[in-house]
Amino acid sequence: MARDRKPSHHRSRHRSHLIAASVAALTFGGTALAEIPAAAAGKPKGHDVSSHQKNVNWQSAKAKGATFVYVKATESHTYRNPYFGQQYNGSRNAGLVRGAYHFALPNKSSGRTQAQHFVRNGGGWTPDGWTLPPALDIEYNPYSKHKCYGLSKAKMVNWIQSFSNEVKRLTGRRPVIYTTTHWWNTCTGASRAFASNHALWAARYNSSSAGTLPAGWQFWTFWQYDNGGGSLPGDQNLFNGSMSQLRKFARGY
């Protein structure tokens, strides 16, 4: 996710459905977010991991309050997380709701090509209540000064749409979109083309709230509020709803 800045081989349904899963945005007090905000007590707490975390102790993570996790599956059209099996299957065996995410490199290949690689290597979905929809991690380019990957705003929107369409065709679900407000508004030209049928996974740290959201979205479904300083392995996240709503979201309702 946003904290990963080494080359990958060294490291690691519709709006009504989203609203039902996400309820009204949470309001937090306080400023220190190394742990889950006190005002969010009772809300599902989760995390995300990549090869950087290697073999995760899932029983320990669950004991510390983890209810869900997103596991990095792929990057671009060639990389696969070598720890994916231990992380994805291990988390499920420990009783966590889990899903897979793909780190996008839009300058390397088409959205369709990367979506196919993702789904072939763990980015699937089944309506069992334990599997979160596939997620697209799209953010500033960690490998180059070209933070929008050299794509124009229109081409970036087209790339994301191509990825989404292929994931939907292959899995039946639109991907969750992980991003920051600044990247989204800068690199897509504040596109509002995705908010109506894509859940938002917003990244914002050192803040008492998720802040201003990317263009088009009125609420977040997941909030990554800390990038490595919390009690759970990897980055710390919240789900914007109850545990039963998380299960419904996983099932596609």
Protein backbone atom coordinates (compact mmCIF):
# COMPACT_ATOMS: atom_id res chain seq x y z
CA MET A 1 0.00 0.00 0.00
CA ALA A 2 1.09 3.58 0.39
CA ARG A 3 4.03 2.71 2.67
CA ASP A 4 5.64 0.30 0.18
CA ARG A 5 8.37 2.05 -1.75
CA LYS A 6 10.74 -0.75 -2.82
CA PRO A 7 10.52 -2.69 -6.08
CA SER A 8 8.00 -5.46 -5.77
CA HIS A 9 10.52 -8.30 -6.07
CA HIS A 10 12.25 -7.03 -2.94
CA ARG A 11 9.13 -6.57 -0.76
CA SER A 12 6.72 -7.86 -0.25
CA ARG A 13 -22.83 -3.27 -6.69
CA HIS A 14 -24.54 -0.58 -6.97
CA ARG A 15 -24.76 2.51 -4.82
CA SER A 16 -27.57 1.16 -2.66
CA HIS A 17 -25.46 -1.85 -1.78
CA LEU A 18 -22.54 0.36 -0.85
CA ILE A 19 -24.73 2.60 1.28
CA ALA A 20 -26.18 -0.39 3.11
CA ALA A 21 -22.68 -1.64 3.81
CA SER A 22 -21.18 1.69 4.75
CA VAL A 23 -23.80 3.61 6.81
CA ALA A 24 -23.21 7.22 7.80
CA ALA A 25 -19.58 8.32 8.02
CA LEU A 26 -17.96 7.90 11.41
CA THR A 27 -16.94 10.89 13.47
CA PHE A 28 -13.78 10.51 15.50
CA GLY A 29 -12.31 12.47 18.34
CA GLY A 30 -8.70 12.84 19.31
CA THR A 31 -5.63 13.00 17.14
CA ALA A 32 -3.42 9.98 17.88
CA LEU A 33 -4.19 7.19 15.43
CA ALA A 34 -1.44 4.67 16.06
CA GLU A 35 -4.30 2.58 17.48
CA ILE A 36 -7.96 2.49 16.51
CA PRO A 37 -9.68 5.78 17.47
CA ALA A 38 -11.51 5.45 20.78
CA ALA A 39 -14.74 6.79 19.25
CA ALA A 40 -14.73 3.90 16.77
CA ALA A 41 -15.07 1.24 19.45
CA GLY A 42 -17.27 -1.58 18.18
CA LYS A 43 -16.56 -0.89 14.52
CA PRO A 44 -14.81 -3.70 12.63
CA LYS A 45 -11.04 -3.29 12.77
CA GLY A 46 -8.80 -4.76 10.10
CA HIS A 47 -5.50 -4.47 8.30
CA ASP A 48 -3.76 -5.14 5.00
CA VAL A 49 -0.60 -7.09 4.35
CA SER A 50 1.86 -7.86 1.57
CA SER A 51 5.02 -9.94 1.22
CA HIS A 52 6.67 -7.41 3.55
CA GLN A 53 4.86 -9.10 6.47
CA LYS A 54 5.92 -12.60 5.32
CA ASN A 55 4.23 -15.41 7.30
CA VAL A 56 1.64 -13.75 9.54
CA ASN A 57 0.56 -15.10 12.92
CA TRP A 58 -3.17 -14.97 12.22
CA GLN A 59 -4.34 -16.23 15.59
CA SER A 60 -2.39 -13.41 17.20
CA ALA A 61 -3.88 -10.85 14.81
CA LYS A 62 -7.37 -12.09 15.60
CA ALA A 63 -6.67 -11.98 19.32
CA LYS A 64 -5.68 -8.31 18.90
CA GLY A 65 -9.04 -7.54 17.34
CA ALA A 66 -8.63 -8.09 13.61
CA THR A 67 -11.92 -8.95 11.89
CA PHE A 68 -10.90 -8.49 8.26
CA VAL A 69 -7.79 -8.22 6.10
CA TYR A 70 -6.85 -7.38 2.54
CA VAL A 71 -3.90 -9.38 1.19
CA LYS A 72 -1.73 -8.22 -1.70
CA ALA A 73 -1.97 -10.76 -4.50
CA THR A 74 -0.32 -9.14 -7.50
CA GLU A 75 1.39 -6.11 -9.02
CA SER A 76 1.48 -5.10 -12.68
CA HIS A 77 1.09 -8.18 -14.92
CA THR A 78 3.98 -10.36 -13.69
CA TYR A 79 4.45 -10.09 -9.91
CA ARG A 80 2.76 -12.47 -7.46
CA ASN A 81 3.04 -12.24 -3.68
CA PRO A 82 5.00 -15.38 -2.65
CA TYR A 83 3.31 -15.34 0.77
CA PHE A 84 -0.21 -15.00 -0.63
CA GLY A 85 -1.33 -18.54 0.22
CA GLN A 86 -0.24 -18.35 3.85
CA GLN A 87 -1.76 -14.91 4.25
CA TYR A 88 -5.02 -15.36 2.35
CA ASN A 89 -5.87 -18.90 3.46
CA GLY A 90 -4.37 -18.48 6.91
CA SER A 91 -6.48 -15.45 7.68
CA ARG A 92 -9.64 -17.26 6.60
CA ASN A 93 -8.74 -20.29 8.71
CA ALA A 94 -8.34 -17.98 11.70
CA GLY A 95 -11.85 -16.61 11.18
CA LEU A 96 -11.14 -13.32 9.42
CA VAL A 97 -13.10 -11.99 6.46
CA ARG A 98 -10.46 -11.53 3.79
CA GLY A 99 -9.96 -10.22 0.30
CA ALA A 100 -7.18 -9.71 -2.23
CA TYR A 101 -5.79 -6.51 -3.72
CA HIS A 102 -3.77 -5.62 -6.80
CA PHE A 103 -1.14 -2.87 -6.96
CA ALA A 104 -1.62 -1.09 -10.26
CA LEU A 105 1.22 -0.01 -12.53
CA PRO A 106 -0.74 1.56 -15.40
CA ASN A 107 2.41 2.36 -17.39
CA LYS A 108 3.34 -1.34 -17.70
CA SER A 109 0.26 -2.88 -19.36
CA SER A 110 -3.46 -2.38 -19.90
CA GLY A 111 -6.07 -2.45 -17.18
CA ARG A 112 -7.59 -5.53 -18.75
CA THR A 113 -4.26 -7.38 -18.78
CA GLN A 114 -3.52 -6.56 -15.14
CA ALA A 115 -7.05 -7.53 -14.08
CA GLN A 116 -6.64 -10.92 -15.72
CA HIS A 117 -3.30 -11.47 -13.98
CA PHE A 118 -4.87 -10.45 -10.67
CA VAL A 119 -7.89 -12.74 -10.91
CA ARG A 120 -5.73 -15.68 -12.05
CA ASN A 121 -3.52 -15.26 -8.98
CA GLY A 122 -5.91 -14.83 -6.08
CA GLY A 123 -8.13 -11.89 -6.96
CA GLY A 124 -11.34 -13.88 -7.20
CA TRP A 125 -14.57 -13.54 -5.28
CA THR A 126 -17.31 -15.82 -4.02
CA PRO A 127 -20.50 -14.78 -2.16
CA ASP A 128 -19.72 -16.86 0.94
CA GLY A 129 -19.68 -13.98 3.42
CA TRP A 130 -15.97 -14.50 4.06
CA THR A 131 -14.54 -13.06 0.83
CA LEU A 132 -14.28 -9.31 0.29
CA PRO A 133 -14.55 -8.02 -3.27
CA PRO A 134 -11.27 -7.65 -5.17
CA ALA A 135 -9.54 -4.32 -4.58
CA LEU A 136 -7.51 -2.05 -6.85
CA ASP A 137 -4.66 -0.18 -5.16
CA ILE A 138 -3.94 2.85 -7.32
CA GLU A 139 -1.72 5.62 -5.99
CA TYR A 140 1.44 7.60 -6.69
CA ASN A 141 4.06 5.73 -8.69
CA PRO A 142 6.66 4.52 -6.15
CA TYR A 143 9.22 3.71 -8.85
CA SER A 144 9.39 6.94 -10.84
CA LYS A 145 8.99 10.70 -10.68
CA HIS A 146 6.04 10.28 -13.05
CA LYS A 147 3.47 10.05 -10.28
CA CYS A 148 0.57 9.59 -12.68
CA TYR A 149 2.53 6.92 -14.59
CA GLY A 150 2.87 9.15 -17.63
CA LEU A 151 -0.82 8.86 -18.45
CA SER A 152 -3.13 11.74 -19.20
CA LYS A 153 -6.16 12.16 -16.95
CA ALA A 154 -8.46 10.73 -19.61
CA LYS A 155 -6.21 7.73 -20.21
CA MET A 156 -5.98 7.06 -16.48
CA VAL A 157 -9.77 7.03 -16.21
CA ASN A 158 -9.91 4.64 -19.16
CA TRP A 159 -7.28 2.39 -17.58
CA ILE A 160 -9.21 2.14 -14.31
CA GLN A 161 -12.45 1.48 -16.20
CA SER A 162 -10.80 -1.27 -18.23
CA PHE A 163 -9.48 -2.91 -15.06
CA SER A 164 -12.87 -2.64 -13.38
CA ASN A 165 -14.80 -4.00 -16.35
CA GLU A 166 -12.55 -7.05 -16.58
CA VAL A 167 -12.71 -7.77 -12.85
CA LYS A 168 -16.50 -7.49 -13.03
CA ARG A 169 -16.62 -9.82 -16.02
CA LEU A 170 -14.42 -12.42 -14.35
CA THR A 171 -15.70 -12.27 -10.77
CA GLY A 172 -19.13 -10.66 -10.80
CA ARG A 173 -18.02 -7.78 -8.55
CA ARG A 174 -16.68 -4.31 -9.20
CA PRO A 175 -13.37 -3.76 -7.42
CA VAL A 176 -13.04 -1.66 -4.32
CA ILE A 177 -10.84 1.33 -5.17
CA TYR A 178 -8.00 2.17 -2.77
CA THR A 179 -6.54 5.64 -3.27
CA THR A 180 -5.82 9.01 -1.75
CA THR A 181 -7.86 12.12 -2.46
CA HIS A 182 -4.84 14.02 -3.75
CA TRP A 183 -3.77 11.29 -6.17
CA TRP A 184 -7.28 10.73 -7.45
CA ASN A 185 -8.08 14.35 -8.07
CA THR A 186 -4.64 14.97 -9.59
CA CYS A 187 -4.32 11.92 -11.84
CA THR A 188 -7.93 11.33 -12.90
CA GLY A 189 -8.89 14.99 -13.10
CA ALA A 190 -11.32 14.52 -10.18
CA SER A 191 -13.29 11.91 -12.10
CA ARG A 192 -16.75 11.12 -10.75
CA ALA A 193 -17.19 8.12 -13.02
CA PHE A 194 -16.64 5.45 -10.35
CA ALA A 195 -18.31 6.61 -7.16
CA SER A 196 -21.78 5.26 -7.94
CA ASN A 197 -20.75 1.62 -8.22
CA HIS A 198 -17.31 1.26 -6.63
CA ALA A 199 -16.68 1.12 -2.89
CA LEU A 200 -14.00 3.53 -1.68
CA TRP A 201 -11.01 2.52 0.42
CA ALA A 202 -9.60 5.87 1.48
CA ALA A 203 -6.04 6.33 2.75
CA ARG A 204 -5.39 9.20 5.15
CA TYR A 205 -3.02 9.14 8.11
CA ASN A 206 -2.43 11.20 11.24
CA SER A 207 -5.96 12.52 11.22
CA SER A 208 -9.08 12.15 13.31
CA SER A 209 -11.19 11.52 10.21
CA ALA A 210 -10.87 10.35 6.63
CA GLY A 211 -11.18 13.98 5.57
CA THR A 212 -12.27 15.21 2.16
CA LEU A 213 -12.92 12.24 -0.11
CA PRO A 214 -11.97 11.78 -3.77
CA ALA A 215 -14.34 13.42 -6.25
CA GLY A 216 -17.76 11.78 -6.45
CA TRP A 217 -17.70 9.71 -3.27
CA GLN A 218 -19.95 10.76 -0.42
CA PHE A 219 -18.69 8.17 2.06
CA TRP A 220 -15.90 5.65 2.51
CA THR A 221 -16.32 1.90 2.96
CA PHE A 222 -12.79 1.29 4.30
CA TRP A 223 -10.41 3.81 5.81
CA GLN A 224 -6.68 3.09 6.08
CA TYR A 225 -5.89 5.37 9.00
CA ASP A 226 -2.36 4.23 9.81
CA ASN A 227 0.42 2.80 7.65
CA GLY A 228 2.25 0.46 9.94
CA GLY A 229 2.24 1.92 13.46
CA GLY A 230 -0.67 -0.05 14.89
CA SER A 231 -1.08 -3.32 16.72
CA LEU A 232 -1.92 -5.40 13.66
CA PRO A 233 0.58 -6.56 11.02
CA GLY A 234 0.80 -4.10 8.13
CA ASP A 235 -1.51 -1.12 7.71
CA GLN A 236 -4.46 -0.38 10.00
CA ASN A 237 -7.99 -0.09 8.63
CA LEU A 238 -11.59 0.42 9.67
CA PHE A 239 -14.83 -0.68 8.05
CA ASN A 240 -17.58 1.94 7.96
CA GLY A 241 -20.38 -0.12 9.46
CA SER A 242 -21.14 -3.04 11.73
CA MET A 243 -19.82 -6.60 11.59
CA SER A 244 -23.11 -7.80 10.11
CA GLN A 245 -22.84 -5.11 7.43
CA LEU A 246 -19.30 -6.24 6.68
CA ARG A 247 -20.58 -9.77 6.10
CA LYS A 248 -23.37 -8.43 3.86
CA PHE A 249 -20.85 -6.39 1.91
CA ALA A 250 -18.71 -9.50 1.46
CA ARG A 251 -21.73 -11.41 0.16
CA GLY A 252 -22.55 -8.65 -2.31
CA TYR A 253 -25.67 -7.20 -0.65
